Amino acid sequence: MNIRKLTITALLIAINVILSSIIVIPLGPIKAAPMQHLVNVLCAVFVGPWYGLAQALISSILRVTFGTGSVFAFPGSMIGVFLASLFYMYRKHIFMAAVGEVLGTGIIGSLICIPLAWVLNLQNFFVKPLMTAFIVSSIIGAAISYVILIILKRRGLLDRFQK
């Protein structure tokens, strides 16, 4: 195991749980957390898909346990970080990681949440507000992480994280 990647992943989990407790957008049964998407893109660039998936899973478990997240956090965050990682690995461009997060969480994750809502027997569950909430939340988080990563890259710090 790579101790550096484990340490970065643990720090990102802590940052995610803390920031997602502070900045939450409640939308019915969904608790949109733009900071989850921010951390997902950072994980995609810093540690890759497998550590990113672990981060998304552990963060979602902790957020649900603390009441700052819902079960809808699992498919959205995990698909988002995985796609962001794959896009970044393929193109090696920060923007592609952000795009992967928005596609993974905003579109695919929100579509997977629809059957989950039916299983949970949620009445009046509408697809358009769900998808809109996921897309807006993931765009906000991905945009912030993109700015952070560009600043790190311009200062030459991004290479240190990726070694």
N, C-alpha and C. Protein backbone atom coordinates (compact mmCIF):
# COMPACT_ATOMS: atom_id res chain seq x y z
N MET A 1 0.83 -1.18 0.00
CA MET A 1 0.00 0.00 0.00
C MET A 1 0.87 1.25 0.00
N ASN A 2 0.37 2.24 -0.61
CA ASN A 2 1.08 3.51 -0.70
C ASN A 2 0.67 4.41 0.47
N ILE A 3 1.58 4.62 1.39
CA ILE A 3 1.29 5.41 2.59
C ILE A 3 0.92 6.85 2.24
N ARG A 4 1.57 7.41 1.25
CA ARG A 4 1.27 8.78 0.84
C ARG A 4 -0.18 8.90 0.35
N LYS A 5 -0.60 7.96 -0.49
CA LYS A 5 -1.97 8.00 -1.00
C LYS A 5 -2.98 7.76 0.12
N LEU A 6 -2.65 6.87 1.04
CA LEU A 6 -3.55 6.62 2.17
C LEU A 6 -3.70 7.88 3.03
N THR A 7 -2.60 8.56 3.25
CA THR A 7 -2.63 9.78 4.06
C THR A 7 -3.44 10.88 3.38
N ILE A 8 -3.19 11.08 2.10
CA ILE A 8 -3.95 12.10 1.36
C ILE A 8 -5.43 11.75 1.35
N THR A 9 -5.75 10.47 1.15
CA THR A 9 -7.14 10.03 1.15
C THR A 9 -7.79 10.29 2.50
N ALA A 10 -7.10 9.98 3.58
CA ALA A 10 -7.64 10.22 4.92
C ALA A 10 -7.88 11.71 5.17
N LEU A 11 -6.95 12.54 4.74
CA LEU A 11 -7.13 13.98 4.90
C LEU A 11 -8.32 14.48 4.08
N LEU A 12 -8.47 13.97 2.88
CA LEU A 12 -9.60 14.39 2.04
C LEU A 12 -10.93 13.90 2.60
N ILE A 13 -10.93 12.73 3.23
CA ILE A 13 -12.15 12.26 3.89
C ILE A 13 -12.53 13.22 5.01
N ALA A 14 -11.55 13.59 5.83
CA ALA A 14 -11.82 14.51 6.94
C ALA A 14 -12.31 15.86 6.43
N ILE A 15 -11.66 16.39 5.41
CA ILE A 15 -12.08 17.67 4.82
C ILE A 15 -13.49 17.56 4.29
N ASN A 16 -13.78 16.46 3.61
CA ASN A 16 -15.10 16.26 3.02
C ASN A 16 -16.18 16.21 4.09
N VAL A 17 -15.98 15.42 5.12
CA VAL A 17 -17.00 15.27 6.16
C VAL A 17 -17.23 16.60 6.88
N ILE A 18 -16.16 17.32 7.17
CA ILE A 18 -16.30 18.60 7.87
C ILE A 18 -16.99 19.64 6.99
N LEU A 19 -16.49 19.82 5.77
CA LEU A 19 -17.08 20.85 4.89
C LEU A 19 -18.50 20.48 4.47
N SER A 20 -18.77 19.19 4.28
CA SER A 20 -20.12 18.78 3.90
C SER A 20 -21.10 18.92 5.06
N SER A 21 -20.59 19.02 6.27
CA SER A 21 -21.46 19.28 7.43
C SER A 21 -21.82 20.76 7.50
N ILE A 22 -20.93 21.60 7.01
CA ILE A 22 -21.15 23.04 7.07
C ILE A 22 -21.95 23.54 5.88
N ILE A 23 -21.60 23.07 4.70
CA ILE A 23 -22.23 23.55 3.47
C ILE A 23 -23.11 22.44 2.90
N VAL A 24 -24.40 22.49 3.20
CA VAL A 24 -25.36 21.50 2.75
C VAL A 24 -26.55 22.24 2.15
N ILE A 25 -27.02 21.74 1.02
CA ILE A 25 -28.21 22.33 0.38
C ILE A 25 -29.33 21.29 0.47
N PRO A 26 -30.26 21.43 1.44
CA PRO A 26 -31.34 20.43 1.58
C PRO A 26 -32.40 20.63 0.49
N LEU A 27 -32.67 19.56 -0.23
CA LEU A 27 -33.68 19.58 -1.29
C LEU A 27 -34.56 18.35 -1.14
N GLY A 28 -35.54 18.43 -0.26
CA GLY A 28 -36.40 17.28 0.00
C GLY A 28 -35.58 16.17 0.66
N PRO A 29 -35.65 14.95 0.10
CA PRO A 29 -34.89 13.85 0.69
C PRO A 29 -33.40 13.90 0.36
N ILE A 30 -33.00 14.83 -0.49
CA ILE A 30 -31.62 14.93 -0.94
C ILE A 30 -30.92 16.05 -0.16
N LYS A 31 -29.70 15.79 0.21
CA LYS A 31 -28.87 16.81 0.84
C LYS A 31 -27.67 17.03 -0.06
N ALA A 32 -27.78 17.99 -0.94
CA ALA A 32 -26.71 18.26 -1.90
C ALA A 32 -25.51 18.87 -1.18
N ALA A 33 -24.33 18.33 -1.48
CA ALA A 33 -23.11 18.78 -0.83
C ALA A 33 -22.05 19.07 -1.88
N PRO A 34 -21.92 20.32 -2.30
CA PRO A 34 -20.92 20.66 -3.31
C PRO A 34 -19.49 20.30 -2.89
N MET A 35 -19.24 20.25 -1.60
CA MET A 35 -17.88 19.94 -1.13
C MET A 35 -17.51 18.48 -1.41
N GLN A 36 -18.52 17.61 -1.48
CA GLN A 36 -18.25 16.21 -1.86
C GLN A 36 -17.66 16.18 -3.27
N HIS A 37 -18.20 16.99 -4.15
CA HIS A 37 -17.73 17.01 -5.53
C HIS A 37 -16.34 17.64 -5.63
N LEU A 38 -16.12 18.65 -4.83
CA LEU A 38 -14.80 19.28 -4.77
C LEU A 38 -13.75 18.23 -4.37
N VAL A 39 -14.03 17.48 -3.32
CA VAL A 39 -13.09 16.47 -2.84
C VAL A 39 -12.96 15.34 -3.85
N ASN A 40 -14.04 14.99 -4.54
CA ASN A 40 -13.96 13.94 -5.55
C ASN A 40 -12.97 14.29 -6.66
N VAL A 41 -13.01 15.52 -7.13
CA VAL A 41 -12.09 15.92 -8.19
C VAL A 41 -10.65 15.96 -7.66
N LEU A 42 -10.47 16.43 -6.43
CA LEU A 42 -9.14 16.42 -5.84
C LEU A 42 -8.62 14.99 -5.73
N CYS A 43 -9.48 14.07 -5.32
CA CYS A 43 -9.08 12.66 -5.23
C CYS A 43 -8.73 12.09 -6.61
N ALA A 44 -9.50 12.45 -7.60
CA ALA A 44 -9.24 11.95 -8.95
C ALA A 44 -7.84 12.34 -9.41
N VAL A 45 -7.43 13.55 -9.08
CA VAL A 45 -6.13 14.04 -9.51
C VAL A 45 -5.01 13.56 -8.59
N PHE A 46 -5.24 13.56 -7.29
CA PHE A 46 -4.18 13.24 -6.34
C PHE A 46 -3.93 11.74 -6.14
N VAL A 47 -5.00 10.95 -6.04
CA VAL A 47 -4.81 9.55 -5.63
C VAL A 47 -5.35 8.51 -6.59
N GLY A 48 -6.17 8.88 -7.55
CA GLY A 48 -6.65 7.92 -8.53
C GLY A 48 -7.98 7.28 -8.16
N PRO A 49 -8.42 6.34 -9.01
CA PRO A 49 -9.78 5.81 -8.87
C PRO A 49 -10.03 4.95 -7.64
N TRP A 50 -9.10 4.10 -7.26
CA TRP A 50 -9.38 3.15 -6.17
C TRP A 50 -9.38 3.84 -4.81
N TYR A 51 -8.42 4.68 -4.57
CA TYR A 51 -8.42 5.44 -3.33
C TYR A 51 -9.57 6.45 -3.34
N GLY A 52 -9.89 6.97 -4.52
CA GLY A 52 -11.02 7.89 -4.65
C GLY A 52 -12.34 7.20 -4.31
N LEU A 53 -12.50 5.96 -4.78
CA LEU A 53 -13.71 5.21 -4.44
C LEU A 53 -13.79 4.95 -2.93
N ALA A 54 -12.67 4.62 -2.32
CA ALA A 54 -12.64 4.41 -0.87
C ALA A 54 -13.02 5.70 -0.15
N GLN A 55 -12.49 6.82 -0.62
CA GLN A 55 -12.83 8.12 -0.02
C GLN A 55 -14.32 8.38 -0.14
N ALA A 56 -14.89 8.16 -1.31
CA ALA A 56 -16.31 8.43 -1.52
C ALA A 56 -17.18 7.53 -0.65
N LEU A 57 -16.81 6.26 -0.55
CA LEU A 57 -17.58 5.33 0.27
C LEU A 57 -17.51 5.70 1.75
N ILE A 58 -16.31 5.90 2.26
CA ILE A 58 -16.14 6.22 3.69
C ILE A 58 -16.78 7.57 4.01
N SER A 59 -16.58 8.56 3.15
CA SER A 59 -17.19 9.87 3.38
C SER A 59 -18.71 9.78 3.40
N SER A 60 -19.28 9.01 2.47
CA SER A 60 -20.74 8.86 2.43
C SER A 60 -21.26 8.16 3.67
N ILE A 61 -20.55 7.12 4.11
CA ILE A 61 -20.96 6.42 5.34
C ILE A 61 -20.94 7.38 6.52
N LEU A 62 -19.87 8.15 6.66
CA LEU A 62 -19.76 9.10 7.77
C LEU A 62 -20.82 10.20 7.68
N ARG A 63 -21.06 10.70 6.48
CA ARG A 63 -22.06 11.76 6.32
C ARG A 63 -23.46 11.26 6.66
N VAL A 64 -23.79 10.04 6.24
CA VAL A 64 -25.10 9.47 6.56
C VAL A 64 -25.19 9.23 8.07
N THR A 65 -24.12 8.73 8.67
CA THR A 65 -24.09 8.47 10.11
C THR A 65 -24.29 9.76 10.91
N PHE A 66 -23.65 10.85 10.48
CA PHE A 66 -23.77 12.12 11.19
C PHE A 66 -25.03 12.89 10.82
N GLY A 67 -25.78 12.42 9.84
CA GLY A 67 -27.02 13.08 9.45
C GLY A 67 -26.83 14.24 8.49
N THR A 68 -25.64 14.38 7.93
CA THR A 68 -25.41 15.47 6.98
C THR A 68 -25.50 14.99 5.53
N GLY A 69 -25.81 13.74 5.35
CA GLY A 69 -25.95 13.18 4.01
C GLY A 69 -27.12 12.22 3.98
N SER A 70 -27.47 11.78 2.78
CA SER A 70 -28.54 10.81 2.62
C SER A 70 -28.00 9.62 1.84
N VAL A 71 -28.82 8.59 1.72
CA VAL A 71 -28.37 7.40 0.98
C VAL A 71 -28.09 7.72 -0.49
N PHE A 72 -28.58 8.84 -0.95
CA PHE A 72 -28.33 9.24 -2.33
C PHE A 72 -26.89 9.69 -2.54
N ALA A 73 -26.15 9.86 -1.46
CA ALA A 73 -24.74 10.25 -1.56
C ALA A 73 -23.90 9.11 -2.12
N PHE A 74 -24.28 7.88 -1.88
CA PHE A 74 -23.46 6.75 -2.29
C PHE A 74 -23.30 6.62 -3.80
N PRO A 75 -24.39 6.47 -4.56
CA PRO A 75 -24.18 6.29 -6.01
C PRO A 75 -23.59 7.52 -6.68
N GLY A 76 -24.05 8.69 -6.28
CA GLY A 76 -23.56 9.92 -6.91
C GLY A 76 -22.08 10.13 -6.70
N SER A 77 -21.64 10.05 -5.46
CA SER A 77 -20.23 10.34 -5.18
C SER A 77 -19.31 9.27 -5.73
N MET A 78 -19.71 8.02 -5.64
CA MET A 78 -18.82 6.94 -6.07
C MET A 78 -18.68 6.90 -7.59
N ILE A 79 -19.77 7.08 -8.30
CA ILE A 79 -19.69 7.11 -9.76
C ILE A 79 -18.94 8.36 -10.21
N GLY A 80 -19.20 9.47 -9.54
CA GLY A 80 -18.54 10.72 -9.90
C GLY A 80 -17.03 10.66 -9.76
N VAL A 81 -16.54 10.17 -8.64
CA VAL A 81 -15.09 10.12 -8.43
C VAL A 81 -14.45 9.09 -9.37
N PHE A 82 -15.15 8.02 -9.65
CA PHE A 82 -14.58 7.01 -10.55
C PHE A 82 -14.46 7.55 -11.97
N LEU A 83 -15.52 8.20 -12.46
CA LEU A 83 -15.45 8.79 -13.80
C LEU A 83 -14.44 9.93 -13.88
N ALA A 84 -14.40 10.75 -12.85
CA ALA A 84 -13.42 11.84 -12.82
C ALA A 84 -12.00 11.28 -12.89
N SER A 85 -11.74 10.21 -12.15
CA SER A 85 -10.42 9.58 -12.17
C SER A 85 -10.09 9.00 -13.54
N LEU A 86 -11.06 8.32 -14.13
CA LEU A 86 -10.82 7.74 -15.45
C LEU A 86 -10.57 8.81 -16.51
N PHE A 87 -11.38 9.87 -16.47
CA PHE A 87 -11.19 10.96 -17.42
C PHE A 87 -9.82 11.61 -17.23
N TYR A 88 -9.42 11.79 -15.99
CA TYR A 88 -8.12 12.41 -15.72
C TYR A 88 -6.98 11.48 -16.14
N MET A 89 -7.11 10.19 -15.86
CA MET A 89 -6.06 9.24 -16.25
C MET A 89 -5.92 9.19 -17.77
N TYR A 90 -7.04 9.29 -18.48
CA TYR A 90 -7.01 9.20 -19.94
C TYR A 90 -6.42 10.44 -20.57
N ARG A 91 -6.81 11.63 -20.12
CA ARG A 91 -6.40 12.88 -20.77
C ARG A 91 -5.31 13.65 -20.03
N LYS A 92 -5.09 13.36 -18.75
CA LYS A 92 -4.12 14.08 -17.92
C LYS A 92 -4.36 15.59 -17.93
N HIS A 93 -5.62 15.95 -17.89
CA HIS A 93 -6.00 17.36 -17.87
C HIS A 93 -7.00 17.57 -16.75
N ILE A 94 -6.78 18.59 -15.95
CA ILE A 94 -7.61 18.88 -14.78
C ILE A 94 -9.07 19.11 -15.17
N PHE A 95 -9.27 19.79 -16.28
CA PHE A 95 -10.63 20.08 -16.72
C PHE A 95 -11.42 18.80 -16.96
N MET A 96 -10.74 17.77 -17.48
CA MET A 96 -11.42 16.51 -17.76
C MET A 96 -11.85 15.82 -16.47
N ALA A 97 -11.09 15.99 -15.41
CA ALA A 97 -11.49 15.43 -14.11
C ALA A 97 -12.78 16.10 -13.65
N ALA A 98 -12.86 17.41 -13.81
CA ALA A 98 -14.07 18.14 -13.43
C ALA A 98 -15.26 17.71 -14.28
N VAL A 99 -15.04 17.53 -15.57
CA VAL A 99 -16.11 17.08 -16.47
C VAL A 99 -16.58 15.68 -16.07
N GLY A 100 -15.64 14.80 -15.76
CA GLY A 100 -15.99 13.45 -15.33
C GLY A 100 -16.83 13.44 -14.07
N GLU A 101 -16.52 14.34 -13.14
CA GLU A 101 -17.31 14.44 -11.91
C GLU A 101 -18.73 14.89 -12.20
N VAL A 102 -18.87 15.89 -13.05
CA VAL A 102 -20.21 16.40 -13.36
C VAL A 102 -21.02 15.34 -14.12
N LEU A 103 -20.43 14.67 -15.08
CA LEU A 103 -21.14 13.61 -15.80
C LEU A 103 -21.47 12.44 -14.89
N GLY A 104 -20.49 12.03 -14.09
CA GLY A 104 -20.69 10.88 -13.23
C GLY A 104 -21.72 11.10 -12.14
N THR A 105 -21.62 12.24 -11.47
CA THR A 105 -22.56 12.52 -10.38
C THR A 105 -23.84 13.14 -10.91
N GLY A 106 -23.68 14.20 -11.70
CA GLY A 106 -24.84 14.97 -12.14
C GLY A 106 -25.81 14.21 -13.02
N ILE A 107 -25.30 13.37 -13.88
CA ILE A 107 -26.20 12.67 -14.82
C ILE A 107 -26.36 11.20 -14.43
N ILE A 108 -25.26 10.45 -14.43
CA ILE A 108 -25.37 9.01 -14.18
C ILE A 108 -25.79 8.75 -12.74
N GLY A 109 -25.15 9.42 -11.78
CA GLY A 109 -25.50 9.22 -10.37
C GLY A 109 -26.95 9.56 -10.07
N SER A 110 -27.43 10.66 -10.66
CA SER A 110 -28.82 11.04 -10.41
C SER A 110 -29.79 10.04 -11.03
N LEU A 111 -29.44 9.48 -12.18
CA LEU A 111 -30.31 8.47 -12.80
C LEU A 111 -30.35 7.18 -11.98
N ILE A 112 -29.24 6.83 -11.37
CA ILE A 112 -29.20 5.62 -10.55
C ILE A 112 -29.96 5.83 -9.24
N CYS A 113 -30.10 7.06 -8.81
CA CYS A 113 -30.84 7.35 -7.58
C CYS A 113 -32.35 7.17 -7.76
N ILE A 114 -32.84 7.17 -8.98
CA ILE A 114 -34.28 7.04 -9.22
C ILE A 114 -34.79 5.67 -8.74
N PRO A 115 -34.16 4.55 -9.18
CA PRO A 115 -34.62 3.27 -8.64
C PRO A 115 -34.42 3.15 -7.12
N LEU A 116 -33.37 3.79 -6.61
CA LEU A 116 -33.13 3.79 -5.17
C LEU A 116 -34.28 4.48 -4.44
N ALA A 117 -34.79 5.55 -5.00
CA ALA A 117 -35.92 6.26 -4.39
C ALA A 117 -37.18 5.39 -4.42
N TRP A 118 -37.37 4.64 -5.49
CA TRP A 118 -38.53 3.75 -5.57
C TRP A 118 -38.42 2.63 -4.53
N VAL A 119 -37.21 2.11 -4.34
CA VAL A 119 -37.00 1.06 -3.34
C VAL A 119 -37.29 1.61 -1.94
N LEU A 120 -36.90 2.85 -1.70
CA LEU A 120 -37.14 3.48 -0.40
C LEU A 120 -38.58 3.97 -0.24
N ASN A 121 -39.39 3.77 -1.30
CA ASN A 121 -40.81 4.12 -1.30
C ASN A 121 -41.04 5.60 -1.02
N LEU A 122 -40.28 6.43 -1.69
CA LEU A 122 -40.47 7.88 -1.56
C LEU A 122 -41.53 8.34 -2.54
N GLN A 123 -42.64 8.83 -2.01
CA GLN A 123 -43.69 9.36 -2.86
C GLN A 123 -43.29 10.75 -3.34
N ASN A 124 -43.88 11.16 -4.41
CA ASN A 124 -43.64 12.49 -4.98
C ASN A 124 -42.16 12.72 -5.30
N PHE A 125 -41.52 11.70 -5.76
CA PHE A 125 -40.10 11.82 -6.09
C PHE A 125 -40.00 12.17 -7.57
N PHE A 126 -39.49 13.35 -7.85
CA PHE A 126 -39.44 13.84 -9.22
C PHE A 126 -38.03 13.78 -9.76
N VAL A 127 -37.92 13.38 -11.01
CA VAL A 127 -36.62 13.17 -11.63
C VAL A 127 -35.92 14.49 -11.95
N LYS A 128 -36.62 15.44 -12.50
CA LYS A 128 -35.99 16.69 -12.92
C LYS A 128 -35.37 17.47 -11.76
N PRO A 129 -36.08 17.64 -10.63
CA PRO A 129 -35.42 18.34 -9.51
C PRO A 129 -34.20 17.58 -8.98
N LEU A 130 -34.28 16.26 -8.96
CA LEU A 130 -33.15 15.45 -8.50
C LEU A 130 -31.94 15.67 -9.40
N MET A 131 -32.15 15.55 -10.69
CA MET A 131 -31.05 15.71 -11.63
C MET A 131 -30.52 17.14 -11.59
N THR A 132 -31.40 18.11 -11.49
CA THR A 132 -30.97 19.51 -11.42
C THR A 132 -30.12 19.75 -10.17
N ALA A 133 -30.57 19.21 -9.04
CA ALA A 133 -29.81 19.39 -7.79
C ALA A 133 -28.43 18.75 -7.89
N PHE A 134 -28.36 17.55 -8.43
CA PHE A 134 -27.09 16.86 -8.57
C PHE A 134 -26.16 17.60 -9.54
N ILE A 135 -26.71 18.07 -10.65
CA ILE A 135 -25.88 18.77 -11.65
C ILE A 135 -25.37 20.09 -11.08
N VAL A 136 -26.24 20.88 -10.47
CA VAL A 136 -25.82 22.17 -9.92
C VAL A 136 -24.78 21.97 -8.82
N SER A 137 -25.03 21.04 -7.93
CA SER A 137 -24.09 20.77 -6.84
C SER A 137 -22.74 20.30 -7.38
N SER A 138 -22.76 19.41 -8.37
CA SER A 138 -21.49 18.90 -8.90
C SER A 138 -20.75 19.96 -9.72
N ILE A 139 -21.46 20.84 -10.40
CA ILE A 139 -20.80 21.92 -11.13
C ILE A 139 -20.12 22.88 -10.15
N ILE A 140 -20.80 23.22 -9.07
CA ILE A 140 -20.21 24.13 -8.08
C ILE A 140 -18.94 23.52 -7.49
N GLY A 141 -19.03 22.29 -7.02
CA GLY A 141 -17.87 21.63 -6.43
C GLY A 141 -16.73 21.41 -7.41
N ALA A 142 -17.06 20.98 -8.63
CA ALA A 142 -16.04 20.75 -9.65
C ALA A 142 -15.36 22.06 -10.06
N ALA A 143 -16.12 23.14 -10.14
CA ALA A 143 -15.53 24.43 -10.51
C ALA A 143 -14.57 24.93 -9.43
N ILE A 144 -14.96 24.79 -8.18
CA ILE A 144 -14.06 25.22 -7.09
C ILE A 144 -12.79 24.39 -7.09
N SER A 145 -12.92 23.07 -7.24
CA SER A 145 -11.74 22.22 -7.26
C SER A 145 -10.86 22.51 -8.46
N TYR A 146 -11.47 22.84 -9.59
CA TYR A 146 -10.71 23.18 -10.78
C TYR A 146 -9.84 24.41 -10.53
N VAL A 147 -10.42 25.42 -9.89
CA VAL A 147 -9.67 26.64 -9.56
C VAL A 147 -8.52 26.31 -8.60
N ILE A 148 -8.82 25.52 -7.57
CA ILE A 148 -7.78 25.13 -6.61
C ILE A 148 -6.65 24.38 -7.31
N LEU A 149 -6.98 23.45 -8.17
CA LEU A 149 -5.96 22.65 -8.87
C LEU A 149 -5.15 23.49 -9.85
N ILE A 150 -5.77 24.44 -10.51
CA ILE A 150 -5.04 25.33 -11.41
C ILE A 150 -4.04 26.17 -10.62
N ILE A 151 -4.47 26.68 -9.47
CA ILE A 151 -3.56 27.46 -8.63
C ILE A 151 -2.39 26.59 -8.18
N LEU A 152 -2.67 25.37 -7.74
CA LEU A 152 -1.60 24.45 -7.32
C LEU A 152 -0.65 24.14 -8.48
N LYS A 153 -1.21 23.99 -9.66
CA LYS A 153 -0.38 23.68 -10.83
C LYS A 153 0.52 24.86 -11.19
N ARG A 154 -0.02 26.07 -11.16
CA ARG A 154 0.78 27.25 -11.50
C ARG A 154 1.90 27.50 -10.50
N ARG A 155 1.68 27.11 -9.26
CA ARG A 155 2.71 27.28 -8.23
C ARG A 155 3.68 26.10 -8.16
N GLY A 156 3.44 25.09 -8.99
CA GLY A 156 4.32 23.93 -9.02
C GLY A 156 4.09 22.94 -7.89
N LEU A 157 2.99 23.08 -7.17
CA LEU A 157 2.71 22.20 -6.04
C LEU A 157 1.96 20.94 -6.44
N LEU A 158 1.29 20.97 -7.57
CA LEU A 158 0.51 19.81 -8.00
C LEU A 158 1.40 18.59 -8.25
N ASP A 159 2.58 18.81 -8.78
CA ASP A 159 3.50 17.70 -9.04
C ASP A 159 3.93 17.02 -7.76
N ARG A 160 4.04 17.74 -6.67
CA ARG A 160 4.42 17.15 -5.39
C ARG A 160 3.36 16.17 -4.89
N PHE A 161 2.10 16.53 -5.07
CA PHE A 161 1.02 15.66 -4.63
C PHE A 161 0.94 14.39 -5.46
N GLN A 162 1.27 14.48 -6.72
CA GLN A 162 1.09 13.36 -7.63
C GLN A 162 2.26 12.38 -7.63
N LYS A 163 3.35 12.70 -6.99
CA LYS A 163 4.50 11.78 -6.99
C LYS A 163 4.26 10.61 -6.08
